[in-house]
Amino acid sequence: MLKSKGCVSTQVPEGRENAIMLPTIILTVVAALCSAPANLTNAKPLPEAVMQKGPNAGEAIAAEYARLKAKGTREALELFIERHPGDPLAEKARQEIERLYGKDRAPR
């Protein structure tokens, strides 16, 4: 089989097309990886208006507490305590369980 690349033709045995392409692909990937750091150092940060800031951990925990408390179940409050045992809101969840279900049935 005669393969033509631009003005250069090469003779490739039948069924060996992949054997010829594999080294070409490997060299292309290696060349791309070697040039990547130069491309990354020239990258400019996106403007702040484009990037959204995520909530801080305290806000995320407070939002989770509010969501689980709104479910109104003991299991939801216990789940919050299990996930955030040292958080001040975990103590609040324990107090809520005590209020709803009695002091002797609250987790510690």
C-alpha atoms as a PDB file:
ATOM      1  CA  MET A   1       0.000   0.000   0.000  1.00  0.00           C
ATOM      2  CA  LEU A   2       1.344   3.421  -0.901  1.00  0.00           C
ATOM      3  CA  LYS A   3       0.798   6.180   1.698  1.00  0.00           C
ATOM      4  CA  SER A   4       1.210   9.796   0.746  1.00  0.00           C
ATOM      5  CA  LYS A   5       1.966  12.621   3.149  1.00  0.00           C
ATOM      6  CA  GLY A   6       2.240  15.881   1.297  1.00  0.00           C
ATOM      7  CA  CYS A   7       4.939  15.404  -1.273  1.00  0.00           C
ATOM      8  CA  VAL A   8       6.537  12.367   0.447  1.00  0.00           C
ATOM      9  CA  SER A   9       5.266   8.851  -0.237  1.00  0.00           C
ATOM     10  CA  THR A  10       6.130   5.837   1.888  1.00  0.00           C
ATOM     11  CA  GLN A  11       5.608   2.167   1.334  1.00  0.00           C
ATOM     12  CA  VAL A  12       3.647   0.602   4.288  1.00  0.00           C
ATOM     13  CA  PRO A  13       3.067  -3.145   4.371  1.00  0.00           C
ATOM     14  CA  GLU A  14      -0.592  -4.195   4.442  1.00  0.00           C
ATOM     15  CA  GLY A  15      -1.933  -4.365   8.033  1.00  0.00           C
ATOM     16  CA  ARG A  16       0.981  -2.374   9.492  1.00  0.00           C
ATOM     17  CA  GLU A  17      -0.622   1.082   9.355  1.00  0.00           C
ATOM     18  CA  ASN A  18      -1.049   1.146  13.164  1.00  0.00           C
ATOM     19  CA  ALA A  19       2.604   0.195  13.721  1.00  0.00           C
ATOM     20  CA  ILE A  20       3.620   3.291  11.764  1.00  0.00           C
ATOM     21  CA  MET A  21       1.070   5.579  13.466  1.00  0.00           C
ATOM     22  CA  LEU A  22       1.888   4.617  17.073  1.00  0.00           C
ATOM     23  CA  PRO A  23       5.387   6.178  17.168  1.00  0.00           C
ATOM     24  CA  THR A  24       3.971   9.291  15.490  1.00  0.00           C
ATOM     25  CA  ILE A  25       1.250   9.600  18.130  1.00  0.00           C
ATOM     26  CA  ILE A  26       3.740   9.043  20.973  1.00  0.00           C
ATOM     27  CA  LEU A  27       6.097  11.696  19.626  1.00  0.00           C
ATOM     28  CA  THR A  28       3.209  14.138  19.231  1.00  0.00           C
ATOM     29  CA  VAL A  29       2.062  13.598  22.826  1.00  0.00           C
ATOM     30  CA  VAL A  30       5.609  13.937  24.205  1.00  0.00           C
ATOM     31  CA  ALA A  31       6.158  17.144  22.258  1.00  0.00           C
ATOM     32  CA  ALA A  32       2.864  18.571  23.546  1.00  0.00           C
ATOM     33  CA  LEU A  33       3.727  17.676  27.149  1.00  0.00           C
ATOM     34  CA  CYS A  34       7.199  19.177  26.881  1.00  0.00           C
ATOM     35  CA  SER A  35       5.814  22.475  25.648  1.00  0.00           C
ATOM     36  CA  ALA A  36       2.947  22.608  28.196  1.00  0.00           C
ATOM     37  CA  PRO A  37       4.820  24.386  31.041  1.00  0.00           C
ATOM     38  CA  ALA A  38       5.759  27.247  28.737  1.00  0.00           C
ATOM     39  CA  ASN A  39       2.120  27.641  27.771  1.00  0.00           C
ATOM     40  CA  LEU A  40       0.980  27.551  31.404  1.00  0.00           C
ATOM     41  CA  THR A  41       3.423  30.201  32.611  1.00  0.00           C
ATOM     42  CA  ASN A  42       2.056  32.642  30.048  1.00  0.00           C
ATOM     43  CA  ALA A  43      -1.526  32.075  31.192  1.00  0.00           C
ATOM     44  CA  LYS A  44      -3.291  35.134  32.546  1.00  0.00           C
ATOM     45  CA  PRO A  45      -5.720  34.862  35.468  1.00  0.00           C
ATOM     46  CA  LEU A  46      -9.379  35.285  34.643  1.00  0.00           C
ATOM     47  CA  PRO A  47     -11.021  38.484  35.818  1.00  0.00           C
ATOM     48  CA  GLU A  48     -12.698  38.183  39.203  1.00  0.00           C
ATOM     49  CA  ALA A  49     -16.088  38.916  37.660  1.00  0.00           C
ATOM     50  CA  VAL A  50     -15.873  35.653  35.722  1.00  0.00           C
ATOM     51  CA  MET A  51     -14.876  33.486  38.695  1.00  0.00           C
ATOM     52  CA  GLN A  52     -17.368  32.757  41.427  1.00  0.00           C
ATOM     53  CA  LYS A  53     -16.102  32.390  44.957  1.00  0.00           C
ATOM     54  CA  GLY A  54     -17.330  29.356  46.854  1.00  0.00           C
ATOM     55  CA  PRO A  55     -18.816  29.594  50.328  1.00  0.00           C
ATOM     56  CA  ASN A  56     -16.433  29.278  53.220  1.00  0.00           C
ATOM     57  CA  ALA A  57     -16.620  26.165  55.362  1.00  0.00           C
ATOM     58  CA  GLY A  58     -18.666  27.830  58.098  1.00  0.00           C
ATOM     59  CA  GLU A  59     -21.297  29.001  55.647  1.00  0.00           C
ATOM     60  CA  ALA A  60     -21.477  25.570  54.022  1.00  0.00           C
ATOM     61  CA  ILE A  61     -21.893  23.832  57.401  1.00  0.00           C
ATOM     62  CA  ALA A  62     -24.549  26.343  58.482  1.00  0.00           C
ATOM     63  CA  ALA A  63     -26.433  25.804  55.213  1.00  0.00           C
ATOM     64  CA  GLU A  64     -26.264  22.028  55.702  1.00  0.00           C
ATOM     65  CA  TYR A  65     -27.553  22.387  59.282  1.00  0.00           C
ATOM     66  CA  ALA A  66     -30.475  24.550  58.134  1.00  0.00           C
ATOM     67  CA  ARG A  67     -31.327  22.087  55.342  1.00  0.00           C
ATOM     68  CA  LEU A  68     -31.204  19.043  57.629  1.00  0.00           C
ATOM     69  CA  LYS A  69     -33.071  20.774  60.471  1.00  0.00           C
ATOM     70  CA  ALA A  70     -35.808  21.783  58.012  1.00  0.00           C
ATOM     71  CA  LYS A  71     -36.432  18.089  57.332  1.00  0.00           C
ATOM     72  CA  GLY A  72     -37.716  17.909  60.884  1.00  0.00           C
ATOM     73  CA  THR A  73     -36.484  14.399  61.631  1.00  0.00           C
ATOM     74  CA  ARG A  74     -34.274  13.011  64.336  1.00  0.00           C
ATOM     75  CA  GLU A  75     -32.291  11.119  61.700  1.00  0.00           C
ATOM     76  CA  ALA A  76     -31.438  14.345  59.879  1.00  0.00           C
ATOM     77  CA  LEU A  77     -30.141  15.964  63.071  1.00  0.00           C
ATOM     78  CA  GLU A  78     -28.151  12.839  63.968  1.00  0.00           C
ATOM     79  CA  LEU A  79     -26.652  12.819  60.482  1.00  0.00           C
ATOM     80  CA  PHE A  80     -25.487  16.400  60.988  1.00  0.00           C
ATOM     81  CA  ILE A  81     -23.933  15.485  64.364  1.00  0.00           C
ATOM     82  CA  GLU A  82     -22.183  12.513  62.770  1.00  0.00           C
ATOM     83  CA  ARG A  83     -20.752  14.654  59.958  1.00  0.00           C
ATOM     84  CA  HIS A  84     -19.700  17.613  62.123  1.00  0.00           C
ATOM     85  CA  PRO A  85     -19.234  16.368  65.699  1.00  0.00           C
ATOM     86  CA  GLY A  86     -16.976  19.235  66.797  1.00  0.00           C
ATOM     87  CA  ASP A  87     -18.932  22.070  65.243  1.00  0.00           C
ATOM     88  CA  PRO A  88     -20.924  24.382  67.547  1.00  0.00           C
ATOM     89  CA  LEU A  89     -24.023  23.637  65.452  1.00  0.00           C
ATOM     90  CA  ALA A  90     -23.674  19.951  66.401  1.00  0.00           C
ATOM     91  CA  GLU A  91     -24.304  20.963  70.009  1.00  0.00           C
ATOM     92  CA  LYS A  92     -27.315  22.922  68.818  1.00  0.00           C
ATOM     93  CA  ALA A  93     -28.555  19.788  67.004  1.00  0.00           C
ATOM     94  CA  ARG A  94     -28.074  17.762  70.216  1.00  0.00           C
ATOM     95  CA  GLN A  95     -30.102  20.336  72.146  1.00  0.00           C
ATOM     96  CA  GLU A  96     -32.834  20.183  69.513  1.00  0.00           C
ATOM     97  CA  ILE A  97     -32.975  16.381  69.836  1.00  0.00           C
ATOM     98  CA  GLU A  98     -33.150  16.724  73.643  1.00  0.00           C
ATOM     99  CA  ARG A  99     -35.970  19.235  73.312  1.00  0.00           C
ATOM    100  CA  LEU A 100     -37.958  17.085  70.909  1.00  0.00           C
ATOM    101  CA  TYR A 101     -37.216  13.585  72.168  1.00  0.00           C
ATOM    102  CA  GLY A 102     -36.061  13.952  75.789  1.00  0.00           C
ATOM    103  CA  LYS A 103     -32.705  14.345  77.473  1.00  0.00           C
ATOM    104  CA  ASP A 104     -32.007  10.630  77.922  1.00  0.00           C
ATOM    105  CA  ARG A 105     -32.430   9.956  74.180  1.00  0.00           C
ATOM    106  CA  ALA A 106     -30.026  12.599  72.844  1.00  0.00           C
ATOM    107  CA  PRO A 107     -26.714  11.400  71.308  1.00  0.00           C
ATOM    108  CA  ARG A 108     -23.418  12.404  72.955  1.00  0.00           C
END
